[in-house]
N, C-alpha and C. Protein backbone atom coordinates (compact mmCIF):
# COMPACT_ATOMS: atom_id res chain seq x y z
N ILE A 1 5.50 -2.89 -2.71
CA ILE A 1 4.16 -2.34 -2.68
C ILE A 1 3.20 -3.19 -3.51
N GLY A 2 3.68 -3.78 -4.60
CA GLY A 2 2.81 -4.57 -5.46
C GLY A 2 2.22 -5.79 -4.77
N GLU A 3 3.07 -6.53 -4.07
CA GLU A 3 2.60 -7.72 -3.35
C GLU A 3 1.67 -7.34 -2.22
N VAL A 4 2.03 -6.29 -1.49
CA VAL A 4 1.18 -5.81 -0.40
C VAL A 4 -0.18 -5.39 -0.96
N TRP A 5 -0.18 -4.65 -2.06
CA TRP A 5 -1.42 -4.18 -2.67
C TRP A 5 -2.35 -5.35 -3.00
N ARG A 6 -1.80 -6.40 -3.66
CA ARG A 6 -2.63 -7.54 -4.04
C ARG A 6 -3.21 -8.25 -2.81
N ALA A 7 -2.39 -8.44 -1.79
CA ALA A 7 -2.88 -9.11 -0.58
C ALA A 7 -3.96 -8.28 0.11
N VAL A 8 -3.77 -6.98 0.14
CA VAL A 8 -4.79 -6.10 0.74
C VAL A 8 -6.09 -6.18 -0.05
N GLN A 9 -6.00 -6.15 -1.36
CA GLN A 9 -7.19 -6.21 -2.20
C GLN A 9 -7.92 -7.54 -2.03
N ASP A 10 -7.18 -8.60 -1.71
CA ASP A 10 -7.78 -9.91 -1.46
C ASP A 10 -8.38 -10.02 -0.06
N GLY A 11 -8.21 -8.98 0.76
CA GLY A 11 -8.75 -9.01 2.12
C GLY A 11 -7.88 -9.77 3.10
N ARG A 12 -6.60 -9.97 2.76
CA ARG A 12 -5.72 -10.77 3.61
C ARG A 12 -4.91 -9.95 4.59
N GLY A 13 -5.10 -8.63 4.63
CA GLY A 13 -4.28 -7.79 5.49
C GLY A 13 -4.75 -7.76 6.92
N ALA A 14 -3.97 -8.33 7.82
CA ALA A 14 -4.28 -8.25 9.24
C ALA A 14 -3.65 -7.00 9.84
N THR A 15 -2.35 -6.79 9.56
CA THR A 15 -1.64 -5.62 10.06
C THR A 15 -0.71 -5.10 8.97
N LEU A 16 -0.91 -3.86 8.61
CA LEU A 16 -0.05 -3.18 7.65
C LEU A 16 0.95 -2.34 8.43
N VAL A 17 2.22 -2.53 8.15
CA VAL A 17 3.29 -1.75 8.80
C VAL A 17 3.92 -0.90 7.71
N VAL A 18 3.93 0.42 7.94
CA VAL A 18 4.39 1.33 6.89
C VAL A 18 5.18 2.48 7.50
N GLU A 19 6.21 2.91 6.78
CA GLU A 19 6.98 4.06 7.24
C GLU A 19 6.12 5.32 7.15
N GLU A 20 6.27 6.22 8.11
CA GLU A 20 5.42 7.40 8.24
C GLU A 20 5.35 8.27 6.99
N ASP A 21 6.44 8.45 6.30
CA ASP A 21 6.47 9.38 5.17
C ASP A 21 6.46 8.69 3.82
N PHE A 22 6.05 7.45 3.77
CA PHE A 22 6.08 6.68 2.53
C PHE A 22 4.81 6.90 1.72
N ASP A 23 4.96 7.32 0.48
CA ASP A 23 3.84 7.42 -0.44
C ASP A 23 4.30 7.00 -1.83
N VAL A 24 3.38 6.49 -2.61
CA VAL A 24 3.71 5.97 -3.93
C VAL A 24 2.62 6.37 -4.92
N PRO A 25 2.94 7.22 -5.88
CA PRO A 25 1.99 7.48 -6.96
C PRO A 25 1.97 6.25 -7.87
N ALA A 26 0.79 5.84 -8.29
CA ALA A 26 0.71 4.61 -9.09
C ALA A 26 -0.53 4.60 -9.98
N ARG A 27 -0.43 3.78 -11.00
CA ARG A 27 -1.58 3.48 -11.84
C ARG A 27 -2.13 2.13 -11.39
N ILE A 28 -3.43 2.03 -11.30
CA ILE A 28 -4.08 0.79 -10.90
C ILE A 28 -4.75 0.21 -12.14
N ASP A 29 -4.50 -1.06 -12.42
CA ASP A 29 -5.09 -1.66 -13.61
C ASP A 29 -6.60 -1.81 -13.45
N PRO A 30 -7.32 -2.09 -14.53
CA PRO A 30 -8.79 -2.17 -14.46
C PRO A 30 -9.33 -3.21 -13.48
N THR A 31 -8.56 -4.24 -13.19
CA THR A 31 -9.02 -5.25 -12.23
C THR A 31 -8.89 -4.77 -10.79
N GLY A 32 -8.07 -3.72 -10.58
CA GLY A 32 -7.83 -3.21 -9.23
C GLY A 32 -6.80 -3.99 -8.46
N ARG A 33 -6.19 -4.98 -9.08
CA ARG A 33 -5.25 -5.86 -8.37
C ARG A 33 -3.78 -5.57 -8.63
N HIS A 34 -3.47 -4.79 -9.64
CA HIS A 34 -2.06 -4.57 -9.98
C HIS A 34 -1.73 -3.09 -10.05
N LEU A 35 -0.58 -2.76 -9.49
CA LEU A 35 -0.09 -1.38 -9.49
C LEU A 35 1.10 -1.25 -10.41
N THR A 36 1.21 -0.11 -11.03
CA THR A 36 2.41 0.28 -11.74
C THR A 36 2.83 1.62 -11.17
N ILE A 37 4.03 1.68 -10.64
CA ILE A 37 4.51 2.91 -10.04
C ILE A 37 4.64 3.98 -11.12
N ALA A 38 4.15 5.17 -10.81
CA ALA A 38 4.15 6.28 -11.76
C ALA A 38 5.18 7.32 -11.35
N ASP A 39 5.71 7.99 -12.36
CA ASP A 39 6.69 9.04 -12.10
C ASP A 39 6.03 10.35 -11.69
N ASN A 40 4.86 10.61 -12.25
CA ASN A 40 4.22 11.90 -12.04
C ASN A 40 2.86 11.71 -11.38
N SER A 41 2.73 12.16 -10.15
CA SER A 41 1.47 11.97 -9.42
C SER A 41 0.34 12.85 -9.93
N THR A 42 0.63 13.79 -10.80
CA THR A 42 -0.41 14.68 -11.31
C THR A 42 -1.01 14.22 -12.63
N ASP A 43 -0.49 13.13 -13.21
CA ASP A 43 -1.11 12.60 -14.43
C ASP A 43 -2.55 12.19 -14.12
N PRO A 44 -3.45 12.36 -15.09
CA PRO A 44 -4.88 12.12 -14.81
C PRO A 44 -5.23 10.68 -14.44
N ASP A 45 -4.47 9.71 -14.86
CA ASP A 45 -4.80 8.31 -14.57
C ASP A 45 -3.99 7.75 -13.40
N VAL A 46 -3.41 8.62 -12.59
CA VAL A 46 -2.53 8.20 -11.51
C VAL A 46 -3.19 8.49 -10.15
N VAL A 47 -3.16 7.47 -9.28
CA VAL A 47 -3.57 7.65 -7.89
C VAL A 47 -2.36 8.28 -7.19
N ASP A 48 -2.55 9.43 -6.57
CA ASP A 48 -1.39 10.15 -6.03
C ASP A 48 -0.72 9.44 -4.85
N ASP A 49 -1.42 8.55 -4.14
CA ASP A 49 -0.81 7.84 -3.02
C ASP A 49 -1.46 6.47 -2.84
N ALA A 50 -0.86 5.46 -3.47
CA ALA A 50 -1.38 4.10 -3.36
C ALA A 50 -1.23 3.56 -1.95
N VAL A 51 -0.25 4.06 -1.21
CA VAL A 51 -0.06 3.62 0.18
C VAL A 51 -1.28 4.03 1.01
N ASP A 52 -1.74 5.25 0.84
CA ASP A 52 -2.92 5.72 1.56
C ASP A 52 -4.14 4.89 1.19
N GLU A 53 -4.27 4.54 -0.07
CA GLU A 53 -5.39 3.69 -0.51
C GLU A 53 -5.31 2.32 0.16
N ALA A 54 -4.11 1.76 0.27
CA ALA A 54 -3.93 0.47 0.94
C ALA A 54 -4.27 0.57 2.43
N ILE A 55 -3.85 1.66 3.06
CA ILE A 55 -4.17 1.89 4.48
C ILE A 55 -5.68 1.90 4.69
N GLU A 56 -6.37 2.64 3.87
CA GLU A 56 -7.83 2.73 3.99
C GLU A 56 -8.48 1.38 3.76
N ALA A 57 -7.99 0.60 2.81
CA ALA A 57 -8.57 -0.72 2.54
C ALA A 57 -8.35 -1.68 3.70
N VAL A 58 -7.17 -1.66 4.29
CA VAL A 58 -6.89 -2.53 5.44
C VAL A 58 -7.84 -2.20 6.59
N ILE A 59 -7.99 -0.93 6.88
CA ILE A 59 -8.88 -0.51 7.97
C ILE A 59 -10.32 -0.89 7.67
N ALA A 60 -10.76 -0.67 6.44
CA ALA A 60 -12.14 -0.99 6.05
C ALA A 60 -12.45 -2.47 6.17
N MET A 61 -11.41 -3.30 6.05
CA MET A 61 -11.61 -4.75 6.13
C MET A 61 -11.29 -5.31 7.51
N GLY A 62 -11.21 -4.41 8.51
CA GLY A 62 -11.02 -4.85 9.88
C GLY A 62 -9.59 -5.07 10.32
N GLY A 63 -8.64 -4.68 9.49
CA GLY A 63 -7.23 -4.83 9.87
C GLY A 63 -6.76 -3.60 10.63
N LYS A 64 -5.49 -3.61 10.99
CA LYS A 64 -4.93 -2.44 11.66
C LYS A 64 -3.68 -1.98 10.94
N VAL A 65 -3.29 -0.75 11.21
CA VAL A 65 -2.14 -0.13 10.57
C VAL A 65 -1.19 0.37 11.65
N VAL A 66 0.10 0.09 11.47
CA VAL A 66 1.13 0.55 12.39
C VAL A 66 2.12 1.39 11.60
N PHE A 67 2.37 2.60 12.08
CA PHE A 67 3.34 3.48 11.44
C PHE A 67 4.66 3.40 12.19
N VAL A 68 5.74 3.33 11.43
CA VAL A 68 7.08 3.28 12.03
C VAL A 68 7.93 4.41 11.46
N GLU A 69 9.07 4.66 12.08
CA GLU A 69 9.96 5.72 11.65
C GLU A 69 10.47 5.48 10.23
N SER A 70 10.76 6.58 9.55
CA SER A 70 11.35 6.50 8.22
C SER A 70 12.67 5.74 8.29
N GLY A 71 12.84 4.77 7.42
CA GLY A 71 14.05 3.97 7.37
C GLY A 71 13.95 2.66 8.13
N ALA A 72 12.94 2.51 8.98
CA ALA A 72 12.82 1.30 9.80
C ALA A 72 12.52 0.05 8.97
N LEU A 73 11.91 0.24 7.82
CA LEU A 73 11.55 -0.90 6.97
C LEU A 73 12.33 -0.91 5.65
N ALA A 74 13.53 -0.35 5.67
CA ALA A 74 14.31 -0.25 4.44
C ALA A 74 14.52 -1.61 3.78
N VAL A 75 14.76 -2.62 4.56
CA VAL A 75 14.98 -3.96 4.02
C VAL A 75 13.70 -4.53 3.39
N HIS A 76 12.55 -3.98 3.74
CA HIS A 76 11.25 -4.44 3.22
C HIS A 76 10.65 -3.46 2.21
N GLN A 77 11.46 -2.57 1.69
CA GLN A 77 11.01 -1.57 0.72
C GLN A 77 9.95 -0.64 1.29
N ARG A 78 10.09 -0.35 2.60
CA ARG A 78 9.33 0.67 3.32
C ARG A 78 7.90 0.30 3.69
N ILE A 79 7.46 -0.92 3.37
CA ILE A 79 6.11 -1.35 3.69
C ILE A 79 6.09 -2.86 3.89
N ALA A 80 5.28 -3.33 4.84
CA ALA A 80 5.17 -4.77 5.10
C ALA A 80 3.74 -5.07 5.53
N LEU A 81 3.33 -6.31 5.29
CA LEU A 81 1.97 -6.71 5.64
C LEU A 81 2.00 -8.06 6.35
N ILE A 82 1.37 -8.11 7.51
CA ILE A 82 1.13 -9.38 8.19
C ILE A 82 -0.24 -9.84 7.71
N THR A 83 -0.28 -11.00 7.11
CA THR A 83 -1.53 -11.48 6.51
C THR A 83 -2.34 -12.33 7.47
N ARG A 84 -3.62 -12.40 7.17
CA ARG A 84 -4.53 -13.22 7.97
C ARG A 84 -4.30 -14.71 7.73
N TYR A 85 -3.96 -15.04 6.52
CA TYR A 85 -3.72 -16.46 6.15
C TYR A 85 -2.76 -16.53 5.02
């Protein structure tokens, strides 16, 4: 998720492929470029679903999102990104 997050924030996401039920609570650093996975999604400084934030960013930047079955991307840690460059 960390590498995908940085590439998405850089505007390099052409196609985001993500498992349907994948979500990640995370803390985002002040630069907006780095994620730290959080244990508790209810902590005040935690984004409850960084995957959803990445999905929205890809779409906002003209990319597309493809959802796949749970387990289909196990070898890729449940998320993958095809980059523009």
